[in-house]
Amino acid sequence: MTEYYIMEKFDPKKFVMEEVLTSTECIELFGITRGRLSSLIRSNKIVPIKKAGVQLYLKQDMLKKKAELEALRIKYRPWEHE
């Protein structure tokens, strides 16, 4: 069977707007403080894709990390999820 793929024009602005997050957006997504985000970066649990005045993160990576952090919150803070 032959498979066909439709190639659409790559729009870099659209990609960046939809798939790249700033530190502030990550803080809002995770529901954490800026200090906690800095701690995650220092311990290499979160790695920015670009560090140049503004740190940028891939949304897909941050959504995976959010699920991981939520699982850890349930494990270590069960009283918050009763």
N, C-alpha and C. Protein backbone atom coordinates (compact mmCIF):
# COMPACT_ATOMS: atom_id res chain seq x y z
N MET A 1 0.84 -1.18 0.00
CA MET A 1 0.00 0.00 0.00
C MET A 1 0.89 1.24 0.00
N THR A 2 0.51 2.19 -0.76
CA THR A 2 1.27 3.43 -0.86
C THR A 2 0.71 4.45 0.12
N GLU A 3 1.60 5.09 0.85
CA GLU A 3 1.18 6.14 1.79
C GLU A 3 1.52 7.49 1.20
N TYR A 4 0.62 8.43 1.39
CA TYR A 4 0.82 9.78 0.88
C TYR A 4 0.86 10.74 2.06
N TYR A 5 1.74 11.68 1.98
CA TYR A 5 1.85 12.71 3.01
C TYR A 5 1.63 14.06 2.35
N ILE A 6 0.83 14.86 3.00
CA ILE A 6 0.60 16.21 2.49
C ILE A 6 1.56 17.14 3.22
N MET A 7 2.40 17.77 2.47
CA MET A 7 3.36 18.69 3.05
C MET A 7 2.78 20.10 3.01
N GLU A 8 2.68 20.70 4.16
CA GLU A 8 2.22 22.08 4.17
C GLU A 8 3.41 22.99 4.42
N LYS A 9 3.26 24.20 4.04
CA LYS A 9 4.34 25.17 4.17
C LYS A 9 4.64 25.39 5.65
N PHE A 10 5.91 25.35 6.00
CA PHE A 10 6.34 25.57 7.37
C PHE A 10 6.32 27.06 7.67
N ASP A 11 5.59 27.40 8.72
CA ASP A 11 5.50 28.79 9.14
C ASP A 11 6.23 28.92 10.48
N PRO A 12 7.44 29.46 10.48
CA PRO A 12 8.22 29.53 11.72
C PRO A 12 7.55 30.37 12.81
N LYS A 13 6.87 31.44 12.43
CA LYS A 13 6.20 32.27 13.43
C LYS A 13 5.09 31.49 14.13
N LYS A 14 4.33 30.74 13.36
CA LYS A 14 3.26 29.92 13.93
C LYS A 14 3.84 28.86 14.85
N PHE A 15 4.93 28.22 14.43
CA PHE A 15 5.58 27.21 15.25
C PHE A 15 6.01 27.79 16.59
N VAL A 16 6.69 28.92 16.55
CA VAL A 16 7.18 29.55 17.78
C VAL A 16 6.01 29.95 18.68
N MET A 17 4.97 30.52 18.12
CA MET A 17 3.82 30.95 18.92
C MET A 17 3.09 29.77 19.57
N GLU A 18 3.06 28.62 18.90
CA GLU A 18 2.30 27.48 19.40
C GLU A 18 3.16 26.48 20.18
N GLU A 19 4.44 26.38 19.90
CA GLU A 19 5.24 25.29 20.44
C GLU A 19 6.41 25.71 21.33
N VAL A 20 6.61 27.01 21.53
CA VAL A 20 7.72 27.49 22.35
C VAL A 20 7.15 28.31 23.50
N LEU A 21 7.66 28.06 24.70
CA LEU A 21 7.19 28.77 25.89
C LEU A 21 8.32 29.59 26.51
N THR A 22 7.95 30.68 27.15
CA THR A 22 8.90 31.48 27.92
C THR A 22 8.90 30.98 29.36
N SER A 23 9.80 31.50 30.17
CA SER A 23 9.84 31.13 31.59
C SER A 23 8.52 31.45 32.28
N THR A 24 7.97 32.59 32.01
CA THR A 24 6.71 33.00 32.63
C THR A 24 5.58 32.04 32.26
N GLU A 25 5.53 31.63 31.00
CA GLU A 25 4.50 30.69 30.57
C GLU A 25 4.69 29.32 31.24
N CYS A 26 5.94 28.91 31.44
CA CYS A 26 6.22 27.64 32.13
C CYS A 26 5.77 27.71 33.58
N ILE A 27 6.03 28.83 34.24
CA ILE A 27 5.62 29.01 35.62
C ILE A 27 4.10 28.89 35.74
N GLU A 28 3.38 29.51 34.83
CA GLU A 28 1.92 29.43 34.83
C GLU A 28 1.45 28.02 34.53
N LEU A 29 2.09 27.34 33.59
CA LEU A 29 1.72 25.98 33.22
C LEU A 29 1.90 25.02 34.38
N PHE A 30 3.04 25.12 35.08
CA PHE A 30 3.34 24.22 36.18
C PHE A 30 2.66 24.61 37.48
N GLY A 31 2.33 25.88 37.63
CA GLY A 31 1.76 26.36 38.89
C GLY A 31 2.83 26.42 39.97
N ILE A 32 4.03 26.86 39.61
CA ILE A 32 5.15 26.93 40.55
C ILE A 32 5.68 28.37 40.61
N THR A 33 6.62 28.60 41.51
CA THR A 33 7.23 29.92 41.62
C THR A 33 8.43 30.02 40.69
N ARG A 34 8.89 31.24 40.49
CA ARG A 34 10.08 31.47 39.66
C ARG A 34 11.30 30.82 40.31
N GLY A 35 11.38 30.85 41.63
CA GLY A 35 12.49 30.21 42.34
C GLY A 35 12.52 28.71 42.11
N ARG A 36 11.34 28.08 42.12
CA ARG A 36 11.27 26.63 41.88
C ARG A 36 11.69 26.31 40.44
N LEU A 37 11.29 27.14 39.48
CA LEU A 37 11.71 26.94 38.10
C LEU A 37 13.23 27.06 38.00
N SER A 38 13.80 28.04 38.67
CA SER A 38 15.26 28.20 38.66
C SER A 38 15.94 26.99 39.26
N SER A 39 15.36 26.43 40.31
CA SER A 39 15.90 25.23 40.93
C SER A 39 15.87 24.04 39.98
N LEU A 40 14.78 23.88 39.24
CA LEU A 40 14.66 22.80 38.26
C LEU A 40 15.68 22.96 37.14
N ILE A 41 15.94 24.20 36.74
CA ILE A 41 16.93 24.46 35.69
C ILE A 41 18.34 24.15 36.20
N ARG A 42 18.67 24.61 37.42
CA ARG A 42 20.00 24.37 37.99
C ARG A 42 20.28 22.88 38.16
N SER A 43 19.24 22.10 38.48
CA SER A 43 19.43 20.66 38.68
C SER A 43 19.29 19.87 37.38
N ASN A 44 19.18 20.59 36.27
CA ASN A 44 19.06 19.99 34.92
C ASN A 44 17.83 19.11 34.76
N LYS A 45 16.79 19.36 35.52
CA LYS A 45 15.53 18.64 35.33
C LYS A 45 14.71 19.29 34.23
N ILE A 46 14.99 20.56 33.98
CA ILE A 46 14.43 21.30 32.84
C ILE A 46 15.60 21.98 32.14
N VAL A 47 15.66 21.80 30.84
CA VAL A 47 16.76 22.40 30.07
C VAL A 47 16.17 23.33 29.02
N PRO A 48 16.46 24.62 29.11
CA PRO A 48 15.96 25.56 28.10
C PRO A 48 16.58 25.26 26.73
N ILE A 49 15.83 25.54 25.67
CA ILE A 49 16.39 25.34 24.33
C ILE A 49 17.23 26.54 23.91
N LYS A 50 17.02 27.68 24.59
CA LYS A 50 17.78 28.89 24.25
C LYS A 50 17.93 29.73 25.51
N LYS A 51 19.14 30.16 25.78
CA LYS A 51 19.42 31.05 26.91
C LYS A 51 20.07 32.30 26.35
N ALA A 52 19.30 33.32 26.13
CA ALA A 52 19.85 34.58 25.63
C ALA A 52 18.97 35.72 26.13
N GLY A 53 19.12 36.05 27.38
CA GLY A 53 18.26 37.07 27.97
C GLY A 53 16.91 36.49 28.37
N VAL A 54 16.27 35.83 27.44
CA VAL A 54 15.00 35.15 27.70
C VAL A 54 15.23 33.67 27.47
N GLN A 55 14.81 32.86 28.44
CA GLN A 55 14.96 31.41 28.27
C GLN A 55 13.71 30.87 27.59
N LEU A 56 13.92 30.01 26.60
CA LEU A 56 12.81 29.43 25.85
C LEU A 56 12.80 27.92 26.04
N TYR A 57 11.59 27.34 26.01
CA TYR A 57 11.39 25.92 26.26
C TYR A 57 10.42 25.36 25.23
N LEU A 58 10.61 24.10 24.85
CA LEU A 58 9.67 23.45 23.95
C LEU A 58 8.43 23.03 24.73
N LYS A 59 7.28 23.37 24.21
CA LYS A 59 6.02 23.10 24.88
C LYS A 59 5.83 21.60 25.13
N GLN A 60 6.18 20.78 24.15
CA GLN A 60 6.03 19.33 24.27
C GLN A 60 6.83 18.81 25.47
N ASP A 61 8.06 19.28 25.64
CA ASP A 61 8.89 18.87 26.77
C ASP A 61 8.29 19.33 28.10
N MET A 62 7.75 20.54 28.11
CA MET A 62 7.18 21.08 29.34
C MET A 62 5.90 20.35 29.73
N LEU A 63 5.11 19.91 28.77
CA LEU A 63 3.89 19.16 29.08
C LEU A 63 4.25 17.79 29.69
N LYS A 64 5.33 17.17 29.20
CA LYS A 64 5.79 15.92 29.79
C LYS A 64 6.27 16.15 31.22
N LYS A 65 7.02 17.22 31.42
CA LYS A 65 7.53 17.54 32.76
C LYS A 65 6.38 17.87 33.71
N LYS A 66 5.34 18.54 33.20
CA LYS A 66 4.18 18.87 34.03
C LYS A 66 3.52 17.59 34.55
N ALA A 67 3.35 16.60 33.67
CA ALA A 67 2.75 15.33 34.09
C ALA A 67 3.62 14.65 35.15
N GLU A 68 4.93 14.72 34.97
CA GLU A 68 5.85 14.13 35.94
C GLU A 68 5.75 14.84 37.29
N LEU A 69 5.72 16.17 37.28
CA LEU A 69 5.63 16.93 38.53
C LEU A 69 4.30 16.69 39.23
N GLU A 70 3.21 16.57 38.46
CA GLU A 70 1.91 16.30 39.07
C GLU A 70 1.89 14.93 39.74
N ALA A 71 2.51 13.93 39.10
CA ALA A 71 2.60 12.59 39.70
C ALA A 71 3.40 12.64 41.00
N LEU A 72 4.48 13.41 41.02
CA LEU A 72 5.29 13.53 42.23
C LEU A 72 4.53 14.26 43.34
N ARG A 73 3.72 15.26 42.98
CA ARG A 73 2.93 15.97 43.99
C ARG A 73 1.93 15.03 44.64
N ILE A 74 1.31 14.17 43.84
CA ILE A 74 0.35 13.21 44.39
C ILE A 74 1.06 12.20 45.30
N LYS A 75 2.25 11.78 44.90
CA LYS A 75 3.01 10.81 45.68
C LYS A 75 3.48 11.39 47.01
N TYR A 76 4.04 12.61 46.97
CA TYR A 76 4.65 13.17 48.17
C TYR A 76 3.75 14.14 48.94
N ARG A 77 2.60 14.50 48.38
CA ARG A 77 1.65 15.38 49.06
C ARG A 77 0.23 14.82 48.91
N PRO A 78 0.00 13.62 49.41
CA PRO A 78 -1.33 13.01 49.20
C PRO A 78 -2.46 13.78 49.89
N TRP A 79 -2.15 14.50 50.96
CA TRP A 79 -3.19 15.25 51.67
C TRP A 79 -3.76 16.40 50.82
N GLU A 80 -3.03 16.87 49.83
CA GLU A 80 -3.52 17.94 48.98
C GLU A 80 -4.49 17.44 47.92
N HIS A 81 -4.54 16.12 47.72
CA HIS A 81 -5.35 15.56 46.64
C HIS A 81 -6.45 14.63 47.14
N GLU A 82 -6.88 14.83 48.37
CA GLU A 82 -7.94 14.00 48.94
C GLU A 82 -9.29 14.57 48.65
